[in-house]
Amino acid sequence: MREYSKKDDVQKKSYYNDRFFISPTQEISNVDSDVIFAKDLGVLENNLNIDKSYICHTHLVLEIKKSGIFTLLKELKKLEYDILVELSCVDYLAQKNSFEIFYELLSIKKKKRVRVKTTILKDENIESVSKLFKSANWSEREVYDMFGVKFLNHPNLKRLLMPDDWYDHPLKKSYPLQGDETASWYEVDKIFGKSARDIIGPEIRDSSSIDRYDTTRFARLGHEVPYGFEAKEEKTDIKYQEENQKLVKNLDPNKTKTLERRK
């Protein structure tokens, strides 16, 4: 397992440079440019304090404090935005010590989409909207499972994907990509017990790791070994193509060249 390094400041570091394409920012326009959105926003502003509103990529985006989320979604449902398409979370802990919770609503009758955003601090809770939209039930459980955000008054707030006793929340950006120390021993401890650690060893959590001597899981390189038999080193010629190819010239490994570095 790869040695774990602290990732508390990972969001403050640039993960790209000018060699890579950077997607341009979506154009933002005024709500008044769309008749339907402008009318609906006028209705909402009569009862709610909306911090920010704009149109981005044909979506009406509304930003509001967490205390007004339930009321805003209730009013949007009355305005025929009656399908909750998505509910999820974005981790901004390193930058702002907060999460962004967003709700994507669809009105089939109006053929319009509304995205509602709110921000909560690291240890704050937020009201569940599962009473308004049944689809929010599992979405809120997933956010709790992956990010650790708790939704108050949820009917059954427990993990959805990970085991109930799993340590930490895997989609937080501070969570190591290959899992932490607890993750590497989880299945060994659960199935065989901690006393079997020395016999079995930690779980290999690197998805790119291949043991070429494991004949029960992987094919051998260069020659075949019967399933489950002990693998022995044998010098064999590497063949990249079948014999007697008429359309493609056979590759000669001796004439290939390995680049020292990418051009």
C-alpha atoms as a PDB file:
ATOM      1  CA  MET A   1       0.000   0.000   0.000  1.00  0.00           C
ATOM      2  CA  ARG A   2       1.293   3.445  -0.914  1.00  0.00           C
ATOM      3  CA  GLU A   3       2.531   5.532   2.023  1.00  0.00           C
ATOM      4  CA  TYR A   4      -0.082   8.042   3.129  1.00  0.00           C
ATOM      5  CA  SER A   5       0.759  11.729   2.970  1.00  0.00           C
ATOM      6  CA  LYS A   6      -1.235  14.590   4.502  1.00  0.00           C
ATOM      7  CA  LYS A   7      -3.689  16.176   2.083  1.00  0.00           C
ATOM      8  CA  ASP A   8      -5.096  19.007   4.213  1.00  0.00           C
ATOM      9  CA  ASP A   9      -3.859  21.616   1.744  1.00  0.00           C
ATOM     10  CA  VAL A  10      -4.499  19.686  -1.473  1.00  0.00           C
ATOM     11  CA  GLN A  11      -7.174  22.122  -2.670  1.00  0.00           C
ATOM     12  CA  LYS A  12      -4.811  25.078  -2.344  1.00  0.00           C
ATOM     13  CA  LYS A  13      -2.390  23.563  -4.842  1.00  0.00           C
ATOM     14  CA  SER A  14      -2.837  23.873  -8.577  1.00  0.00           C
ATOM     15  CA  TYR A  15      -3.484  20.444 -10.104  1.00  0.00           C
ATOM     16  CA  TYR A  16      -3.052  21.639 -13.697  1.00  0.00           C
ATOM     17  CA  ASN A  17      -0.786  23.955 -15.674  1.00  0.00           C
ATOM     18  CA  ASP A  18      -0.760  25.563 -19.093  1.00  0.00           C
ATOM     19  CA  ARG A  19       0.001  22.241 -20.841  1.00  0.00           C
ATOM     20  CA  PHE A  20      -3.567  21.100 -20.206  1.00  0.00           C
ATOM     21  CA  PHE A  21      -6.808  22.431 -21.585  1.00  0.00           C
ATOM     22  CA  ILE A  22      -8.764  24.532 -19.117  1.00  0.00           C
ATOM     23  CA  SER A  23     -12.489  24.567 -19.742  1.00  0.00           C
ATOM     24  CA  PRO A  24     -13.863  28.116 -20.062  1.00  0.00           C
ATOM     25  CA  THR A  25     -16.286  29.391 -17.429  1.00  0.00           C
ATOM     26  CA  GLN A  26     -19.956  29.087 -18.330  1.00  0.00           C
ATOM     27  CA  GLU A  27     -21.562  32.337 -19.424  1.00  0.00           C
ATOM     28  CA  ILE A  28     -23.858  33.908 -16.837  1.00  0.00           C
ATOM     29  CA  SER A  29     -26.869  36.006 -17.860  1.00  0.00           C
ATOM     30  CA  ASN A  30     -29.520  38.049 -16.093  1.00  0.00           C
ATOM     31  CA  VAL A  31     -32.771  36.345 -15.027  1.00  0.00           C
ATOM     32  CA  ASP A  32     -34.774  38.981 -16.924  1.00  0.00           C
ATOM     33  CA  SER A  33     -33.542  37.449 -20.178  1.00  0.00           C
ATOM     34  CA  ASP A  34     -35.974  34.539 -19.694  1.00  0.00           C
ATOM     35  CA  VAL A  35     -39.687  35.349 -19.285  1.00  0.00           C
ATOM     36  CA  ILE A  36     -40.612  32.169 -17.388  1.00  0.00           C
ATOM     37  CA  PHE A  37     -37.674  32.363 -14.974  1.00  0.00           C
ATOM     38  CA  ALA A  38     -38.257  36.077 -14.354  1.00  0.00           C
ATOM     39  CA  LYS A  39     -41.908  35.462 -13.489  1.00  0.00           C
ATOM     40  CA  ASP A  40     -41.120  32.546 -11.164  1.00  0.00           C
ATOM     41  CA  LEU A  41     -38.340  34.474  -9.435  1.00  0.00           C
ATOM     42  CA  GLY A  42     -40.745  37.365  -8.800  1.00  0.00           C
ATOM     43  CA  VAL A  43     -43.103  34.974  -7.001  1.00  0.00           C
ATOM     44  CA  LEU A  44     -40.289  33.500  -4.914  1.00  0.00           C
ATOM     45  CA  GLU A  45     -38.858  36.855  -3.835  1.00  0.00           C
ATOM     46  CA  ASN A  46     -42.199  37.841  -2.303  1.00  0.00           C
ATOM     47  CA  ASN A  47     -41.717  35.260   0.475  1.00  0.00           C
ATOM     48  CA  LEU A  48     -37.981  34.500   0.547  1.00  0.00           C
ATOM     49  CA  ASN A  49     -34.633  36.248   0.831  1.00  0.00           C
ATOM     50  CA  ILE A  50     -32.631  34.865  -2.085  1.00  0.00           C
ATOM     51  CA  ASP A  51     -28.971  35.854  -1.885  1.00  0.00           C
ATOM     52  CA  LYS A  52     -28.147  35.484  -5.572  1.00  0.00           C
ATOM     53  CA  SER A  53     -30.003  34.564  -8.773  1.00  0.00           C
ATOM     54  CA  TYR A  54     -28.795  34.193 -12.360  1.00  0.00           C
ATOM     55  CA  ILE A  55     -29.077  31.990 -15.442  1.00  0.00           C
ATOM     56  CA  CYS A  56     -26.169  29.701 -16.255  1.00  0.00           C
ATOM     57  CA  HIS A  57     -26.240  27.156 -19.096  1.00  0.00           C
ATOM     58  CA  THR A  58     -30.058  27.470 -19.455  1.00  0.00           C
ATOM     59  CA  HIS A  59     -30.510  26.788 -15.712  1.00  0.00           C
ATOM     60  CA  LEU A  60     -31.950  29.224 -13.193  1.00  0.00           C
ATOM     61  CA  VAL A  61     -29.470  29.178 -10.314  1.00  0.00           C
ATOM     62  CA  LEU A  62     -30.628  30.309  -6.874  1.00  0.00           C
ATOM     63  CA  GLU A  63     -28.278  30.726  -3.918  1.00  0.00           C
ATOM     64  CA  ILE A  64     -29.823  30.912  -0.452  1.00  0.00           C
ATOM     65  CA  LYS A  65     -28.923  30.395   3.213  1.00  0.00           C
ATOM     66  CA  LYS A  66     -29.507  26.887   4.545  1.00  0.00           C
ATOM     67  CA  SER A  67     -32.360  28.026   6.801  1.00  0.00           C
ATOM     68  CA  GLY A  68     -34.470  28.839   3.721  1.00  0.00           C
ATOM     69  CA  ILE A  69     -33.814  25.672   1.722  1.00  0.00           C
ATOM     70  CA  PHE A  70     -36.930  23.744   2.740  1.00  0.00           C
ATOM     71  CA  THR A  71     -39.257  26.701   2.156  1.00  0.00           C
ATOM     72  CA  LEU A  72     -37.657  27.530  -1.209  1.00  0.00           C
ATOM     73  CA  LEU A  73     -37.972  23.966  -2.505  1.00  0.00           C
ATOM     74  CA  LYS A  74     -41.576  23.847  -1.278  1.00  0.00           C
ATOM     75  CA  GLU A  75     -42.385  27.025  -3.220  1.00  0.00           C
ATOM     76  CA  LEU A  76     -40.582  25.738  -6.326  1.00  0.00           C
ATOM     77  CA  LYS A  77     -42.676  22.588  -6.188  1.00  0.00           C
ATOM     78  CA  LYS A  78     -45.811  24.752  -6.209  1.00  0.00           C
ATOM     79  CA  LEU A  79     -44.396  26.461  -9.307  1.00  0.00           C
ATOM     80  CA  GLU A  80     -44.372  23.030 -11.049  1.00  0.00           C
ATOM     81  CA  TYR A  81     -40.676  22.245 -10.543  1.00  0.00           C
ATOM     82  CA  ASP A  82     -41.878  18.942  -9.195  1.00  0.00           C
ATOM     83  CA  ILE A  83     -39.020  16.527  -9.956  1.00  0.00           C
ATOM     84  CA  LEU A  84     -35.843  16.453  -7.871  1.00  0.00           C
ATOM     85  CA  VAL A  85     -33.333  15.191 -10.421  1.00  0.00           C
ATOM     86  CA  GLU A  86     -30.211  15.386  -8.272  1.00  0.00           C
ATOM     87  CA  LEU A  87     -29.089  16.267  -4.769  1.00  0.00           C
ATOM     88  CA  SER A  88     -25.402  16.195  -3.970  1.00  0.00           C
ATOM     89  CA  CYS A  89     -22.476  17.926  -2.322  1.00  0.00           C
ATOM     90  CA  VAL A  90     -19.152  19.601  -3.161  1.00  0.00           C
ATOM     91  CA  ASP A  91     -16.227  19.575  -0.731  1.00  0.00           C
ATOM     92  CA  TYR A  92     -14.736  23.053  -0.159  1.00  0.00           C
ATOM     93  CA  LEU A  93     -13.309  22.264   3.289  1.00  0.00           C
ATOM     94  CA  ALA A  94      -9.730  23.251   2.479  1.00  0.00           C
ATOM     95  CA  GLN A  95     -10.749  26.504   0.794  1.00  0.00           C
ATOM     96  CA  LYS A  96     -13.749  27.695   2.818  1.00  0.00           C
ATOM     97  CA  ASN A  97     -14.166  25.139   5.648  1.00  0.00           C
ATOM     98  CA  SER A  98     -17.602  24.358   4.193  1.00  0.00           C
ATOM     99  CA  PHE A  99     -19.668  22.119   1.924  1.00  0.00           C
ATOM    100  CA  GLU A 100     -21.865  23.268  -0.930  1.00  0.00           C
ATOM    101  CA  ILE A 101     -25.178  21.395  -1.122  1.00  0.00           C
ATOM    102  CA  PHE A 102     -27.047  21.687  -4.396  1.00  0.00           C
ATOM    103  CA  TYR A 103     -30.503  20.588  -5.572  1.00  0.00           C
ATOM    104  CA  GLU A 104     -31.379  20.137  -9.257  1.00  0.00           C
ATOM    105  CA  LEU A 105     -35.102  20.522 -10.028  1.00  0.00           C
ATOM    106  CA  LEU A 106     -36.951  19.865 -13.291  1.00  0.00           C
ATOM    107  CA  SER A 107     -40.306  21.087 -14.557  1.00  0.00           C
ATOM    108  CA  ILE A 108     -41.530  18.860 -17.367  1.00  0.00           C
ATOM    109  CA  LYS A 109     -44.484  21.134 -18.082  1.00  0.00           C
ATOM    110  CA  LYS A 110     -42.319  24.256 -18.409  1.00  0.00           C
ATOM    111  CA  LYS A 111     -39.296  22.373 -19.813  1.00  0.00           C
ATOM    112  CA  LYS A 112     -37.083  24.277 -17.396  1.00  0.00           C
ATOM    113  CA  ARG A 113     -34.455  23.416 -14.780  1.00  0.00           C
ATOM    114  CA  VAL A 114     -33.616  25.163 -11.518  1.00  0.00           C
ATOM    115  CA  ARG A 115     -30.496  24.619  -9.433  1.00  0.00           C
ATOM    116  CA  VAL A 116     -30.593  25.631  -5.771  1.00  0.00           C
ATOM    117  CA  LYS A 117     -27.323  26.064  -3.873  1.00  0.00           C
ATOM    118  CA  THR A 118     -26.542  26.555  -0.223  1.00  0.00           C
ATOM    119  CA  THR A 119     -23.427  26.446   1.962  1.00  0.00           C
ATOM    120  CA  ILE A 120     -22.958  24.781   5.348  1.00  0.00           C
ATOM    121  CA  LEU A 121     -19.895  24.805   7.581  1.00  0.00           C
ATOM    122  CA  LYS A 122     -17.914  21.646   8.307  1.00  0.00           C
ATOM    123  CA  ASP A 123     -19.833  20.490  11.405  1.00  0.00           C
ATOM    124  CA  GLU A 124     -23.247  21.955  10.558  1.00  0.00           C
ATOM    125  CA  ASN A 125     -26.424  20.000   9.767  1.00  0.00           C
ATOM    126  CA  ILE A 126     -29.139  20.779   7.236  1.00  0.00           C
ATOM    127  CA  GLU A 127     -32.875  20.062   7.059  1.00  0.00           C
ATOM    128  CA  SER A 128     -33.948  17.001   5.056  1.00  0.00           C
ATOM    129  CA  VAL A 129     -36.251  17.574   2.066  1.00  0.00           C
ATOM    130  CA  SER A 130     -37.325  13.936   1.804  1.00  0.00           C
ATOM    131  CA  LYS A 131     -40.825  15.001   2.926  1.00  0.00           C
ATOM    132  CA  LEU A 132     -41.110  17.089  -0.242  1.00  0.00           C
ATOM    133  CA  PHE A 133     -39.360  14.772  -2.705  1.00  0.00           C
ATOM    134  CA  LYS A 134     -39.110  11.024  -2.141  1.00  0.00           C
ATOM    135  CA  SER A 135     -36.072  10.872  -4.424  1.00  0.00           C
ATOM    136  CA  ALA A 136     -34.190  12.918  -1.798  1.00  0.00           C
ATOM    137  CA  ASN A 137     -34.232   9.958   0.606  1.00  0.00           C
ATOM    138  CA  TRP A 138     -31.388   7.977  -0.971  1.00  0.00           C
ATOM    139  CA  SER A 139     -29.605  11.063  -2.279  1.00  0.00           C
ATOM    140  CA  GLU A 140     -29.312  12.459   1.252  1.00  0.00           C
ATOM    141  CA  ARG A 141     -28.143   9.084   2.531  1.00  0.00           C
ATOM    142  CA  GLU A 142     -25.460   9.027  -0.166  1.00  0.00           C
ATOM    143  CA  VAL A 143     -24.275  12.539   0.753  1.00  0.00           C
ATOM    144  CA  TYR A 144     -24.131  11.490   4.413  1.00  0.00           C
ATOM    145  CA  ASP A 145     -22.233   8.322   3.492  1.00  0.00           C
ATOM    146  CA  MET A 146     -19.715   9.956   1.145  1.00  0.00           C
ATOM    147  CA  PHE A 147     -19.249  13.381   2.786  1.00  0.00           C
ATOM    148  CA  GLY A 148     -20.508  13.042   6.356  1.00  0.00           C
ATOM    149  CA  VAL A 149     -23.216  15.730   6.066  1.00  0.00           C
ATOM    150  CA  LYS A 150     -26.158  15.012   8.388  1.00  0.00           C
ATOM    151  CA  PHE A 151     -29.743  15.762   7.303  1.00  0.00           C
ATOM    152  CA  LEU A 152     -32.096  16.530  10.175  1.00  0.00           C
ATOM    153  CA  ASN A 153     -35.472  14.725  10.325  1.00  0.00           C
ATOM    154  CA  HIS A 154     -34.462  12.185   7.684  1.00  0.00           C
ATOM    155  CA  PRO A 155     -36.530   8.981   8.149  1.00  0.00           C
ATOM    156  CA  ASN A 156     -33.580   6.581   7.922  1.00  0.00           C
ATOM    157  CA  LEU A 157     -30.220   8.360   7.809  1.00  0.00           C
ATOM    158  CA  LYS A 158     -27.630   5.606   7.566  1.00  0.00           C
ATOM    159  CA  ARG A 159     -24.882   4.685   5.124  1.00  0.00           C
ATOM    160  CA  LEU A 160     -26.010   3.713   1.652  1.00  0.00           C
ATOM    161  CA  LEU A 161     -22.886   2.320  -0.060  1.00  0.00           C
ATOM    162  CA  MET A 162     -20.225   1.774   2.596  1.00  0.00           C
ATOM    163  CA  PRO A 163     -20.546  -0.597   5.595  1.00  0.00           C
ATOM    164  CA  ASP A 164     -22.180   0.916   8.680  1.00  0.00           C
ATOM    165  CA  ASP A 165     -18.910   0.776  10.656  1.00  0.00           C
ATOM    166  CA  TRP A 166     -16.718   2.267   7.908  1.00  0.00           C
ATOM    167  CA  TYR A 167     -14.298   4.933   9.100  1.00  0.00           C
ATOM    168  CA  ASP A 168     -14.583   8.410   7.551  1.00  0.00           C
ATOM    169  CA  HIS A 169     -16.246   9.442   4.265  1.00  0.00           C
ATOM    170  CA  PRO A 170     -14.619   8.473   0.941  1.00  0.00           C
ATOM    171  CA  LEU A 171     -15.585  11.456  -1.267  1.00  0.00           C
ATOM    172  CA  LYS A 172     -14.041  14.077   0.970  1.00  0.00           C
ATOM    173  CA  LYS A 173     -10.996  15.457  -0.831  1.00  0.00           C
ATOM    174  CA  SER A 174      -8.826  14.823   2.218  1.00  0.00           C
ATOM    175  CA  TYR A 175      -9.607  11.084   2.029  1.00  0.00           C
ATOM    176  CA  PRO A 176      -6.635   9.109   0.553  1.00  0.00           C
ATOM    177  CA  LEU A 177      -7.279   7.703  -2.921  1.00  0.00           C
ATOM    178  CA  GLN A 178      -6.352   4.141  -1.946  1.00  0.00           C
ATOM    179  CA  GLY A 179      -8.105   4.242   1.420  1.00  0.00           C
ATOM    180  CA  ASP A 180      -6.544   4.705   4.828  1.00  0.00           C
ATOM    181  CA  GLU A 181      -4.958   2.227   7.243  1.00  0.00           C
ATOM    182  CA  THR A 182      -8.382   1.105   8.479  1.00  0.00           C
ATOM    183  CA  ALA A 183      -9.569   0.399   4.929  1.00  0.00           C
ATOM    184  CA  SER A 184      -6.588  -1.822   4.123  1.00  0.00           C
ATOM    185  CA  TRP A 185      -7.442  -4.199   6.980  1.00  0.00           C
ATOM    186  CA  TYR A 186     -11.253  -3.941   6.954  1.00  0.00           C
ATOM    187  CA  GLU A 187     -12.143  -7.154   5.070  1.00  0.00           C
ATOM    188  CA  VAL A 188      -9.366  -9.184   6.728  1.00  0.00           C
ATOM    189  CA  ASP A 189     -10.566  -8.178  10.194  1.00  0.00           C
ATOM    190  CA  LYS A 190     -14.245  -8.727   9.346  1.00  0.00           C
ATOM    191  CA  ILE A 191     -13.929 -12.123   7.659  1.00  0.00           C
ATOM    192  CA  PHE A 192     -10.958 -13.770   9.405  1.00  0.00           C
ATOM    193  CA  GLY A 193     -10.313 -11.621  12.479  1.00  0.00           C
ATOM    194  CA  LYS A 194      -7.323  -9.482  13.450  1.00  0.00           C
ATOM    195  CA  SER A 195      -5.343 -12.589  14.406  1.00  0.00           C
ATOM    196  CA  ALA A 196      -5.067 -13.432  10.680  1.00  0.00           C
ATOM    197  CA  ARG A 197      -3.351 -10.175   9.738  1.00  0.00           C
ATOM    198  CA  ASP A 198       0.151 -11.671   9.753  1.00  0.00           C
ATOM    199  CA  ILE A 199      -0.988 -14.610   7.623  1.00  0.00           C
ATOM    200  CA  ILE A 200      -3.035 -12.757   4.978  1.00  0.00           C
ATOM    201  CA  GLY A 201      -1.481  -9.306   4.937  1.00  0.00           C
ATOM    202  CA  PRO A 202      -3.158  -5.966   4.124  1.00  0.00           C
ATOM    203  CA  GLU A 203      -5.586  -5.603   1.237  1.00  0.00           C
ATOM    204  CA  ILE A 204      -4.018  -4.323  -1.980  1.00  0.00           C
ATOM    205  CA  ARG A 205      -6.175  -1.270  -2.659  1.00  0.00           C
ATOM    206  CA  ASP A 206      -4.244   0.017  -5.658  1.00  0.00           C
ATOM    207  CA  SER A 207      -6.517  -0.843  -8.614  1.00  0.00           C
ATOM    208  CA  SER A 208      -3.549  -0.825 -11.013  1.00  0.00           C
ATOM    209  CA  SER A 209      -1.585  -3.408  -9.045  1.00  0.00           C
ATOM    210  CA  ILE A 210      -1.102  -6.787 -10.781  1.00  0.00           C
ATOM    211  CA  ASP A 211       0.783  -9.772  -9.407  1.00  0.00           C
ATOM    212  CA  ARG A 212       1.930 -11.715 -12.469  1.00  0.00           C
ATOM    213  CA  TYR A 213       2.496 -14.810 -10.301  1.00  0.00           C
ATOM    214  CA  ASP A 214      -1.128 -14.944  -9.134  1.00  0.00           C
ATOM    215  CA  THR A 215      -2.422 -17.696 -11.437  1.00  0.00           C
ATOM    216  CA  THR A 216      -5.885 -17.745  -9.836  1.00  0.00           C
ATOM    217  CA  ARG A 217      -6.690 -14.166 -10.869  1.00  0.00           C
ATOM    218  CA  PHE A 218      -4.419 -13.010 -13.689  1.00  0.00           C
ATOM    219  CA  ALA A 219      -3.080 -14.375 -16.978  1.00  0.00           C
ATOM    220  CA  ARG A 220       0.618 -14.994 -17.257  1.00  0.00           C
ATOM    221  CA  LEU A 221       2.747 -12.895 -19.565  1.00  0.00           C
ATOM    222  CA  GLY A 222       4.510 -14.785 -22.350  1.00  0.00           C
ATOM    223  CA  HIS A 223       3.163 -18.279 -21.701  1.00  0.00           C
ATOM    224  CA  GLU A 224       0.205 -20.091 -20.174  1.00  0.00           C
ATOM    225  CA  VAL A 225       0.103 -21.611 -16.685  1.00  0.00           C
ATOM    226  CA  PRO A 226      -2.742 -23.914 -15.582  1.00  0.00           C
ATOM    227  CA  TYR A 227      -5.284 -22.261 -13.291  1.00  0.00           C
ATOM    228  CA  GLY A 228      -4.055 -22.229  -9.707  1.00  0.00           C
ATOM    229  CA  PHE A 229      -0.700 -23.883 -10.478  1.00  0.00           C
ATOM    230  CA  GLU A 230       2.609 -22.485  -9.303  1.00  0.00           C
ATOM    231  CA  ALA A 231       4.079 -20.021 -11.783  1.00  0.00           C
ATOM    232  CA  LYS A 232       7.672 -20.548 -12.899  1.00  0.00           C
ATOM    233  CA  GLU A 233       9.861 -18.257 -14.916  1.00  0.00           C
ATOM    234  CA  GLU A 234      10.250 -19.452 -18.487  1.00  0.00           C
ATOM    235  CA  LYS A 235      11.979 -17.575 -21.268  1.00  0.00           C
ATOM    236  CA  THR A 236       9.583 -17.306 -24.187  1.00  0.00           C
ATOM    237  CA  ASP A 237       9.377 -15.103 -27.248  1.00  0.00           C
ATOM    238  CA  ILE A 238       6.847 -12.317 -26.985  1.00  0.00           C
ATOM    239  CA  LYS A 239       4.377 -12.324 -29.866  1.00  0.00           C
ATOM    240  CA  TYR A 240       2.185  -9.341 -30.582  1.00  0.00           C
ATOM    241  CA  GLN A 241       0.335 -10.783 -33.586  1.00  0.00           C
ATOM    242  CA  GLU A 242      -0.872 -14.051 -34.993  1.00  0.00           C
ATOM    243  CA  GLU A 243       1.162 -15.943 -37.563  1.00  0.00           C
ATOM    244  CA  ASN A 244       0.786 -15.358 -41.318  1.00  0.00           C
ATOM    245  CA  GLN A 245      -0.856 -11.944 -41.193  1.00  0.00           C
ATOM    246  CA  LYS A 246      -1.318 -10.752 -44.762  1.00  0.00           C
ATOM    247  CA  LEU A 247      -2.504  -7.210 -44.197  1.00  0.00           C
ATOM    248  CA  VAL A 248      -0.306  -6.192 -41.259  1.00  0.00           C
ATOM    249  CA  LYS A 249       3.443  -6.523 -41.112  1.00  0.00           C
ATOM    250  CA  ASN A 250       4.624  -8.491 -38.087  1.00  0.00           C
ATOM    251  CA  LEU A 251       6.241  -6.408 -35.383  1.00  0.00           C
ATOM    252  CA  ASP A 252       9.854  -7.175 -34.554  1.00  0.00           C
ATOM    253  CA  PRO A 253      10.413  -6.439 -30.826  1.00  0.00           C
ATOM    254  CA  ASN A 254      14.145  -6.008 -31.467  1.00  0.00           C
ATOM    255  CA  LYS A 255      13.455  -3.015 -33.708  1.00  0.00           C
ATOM    256  CA  THR A 256      11.209  -1.164 -31.248  1.00  0.00           C
ATOM    257  CA  LYS A 257      12.383   1.834 -29.265  1.00  0.00           C
ATOM    258  CA  THR A 258      11.236   2.878 -25.820  1.00  0.00           C
ATOM    259  CA  LEU A 259      11.041   6.623 -25.318  1.00  0.00           C
ATOM    260  CA  GLU A 260      12.922   7.908 -22.288  1.00  0.00           C
ATOM    261  CA  ARG A 261      10.388  10.659 -21.746  1.00  0.00           C
ATOM    262  CA  ARG A 262       7.170  11.869 -23.299  1.00  0.00           C
ATOM    263  CA  LYS A 263       7.547  14.314 -26.170  1.00  0.00           C
END
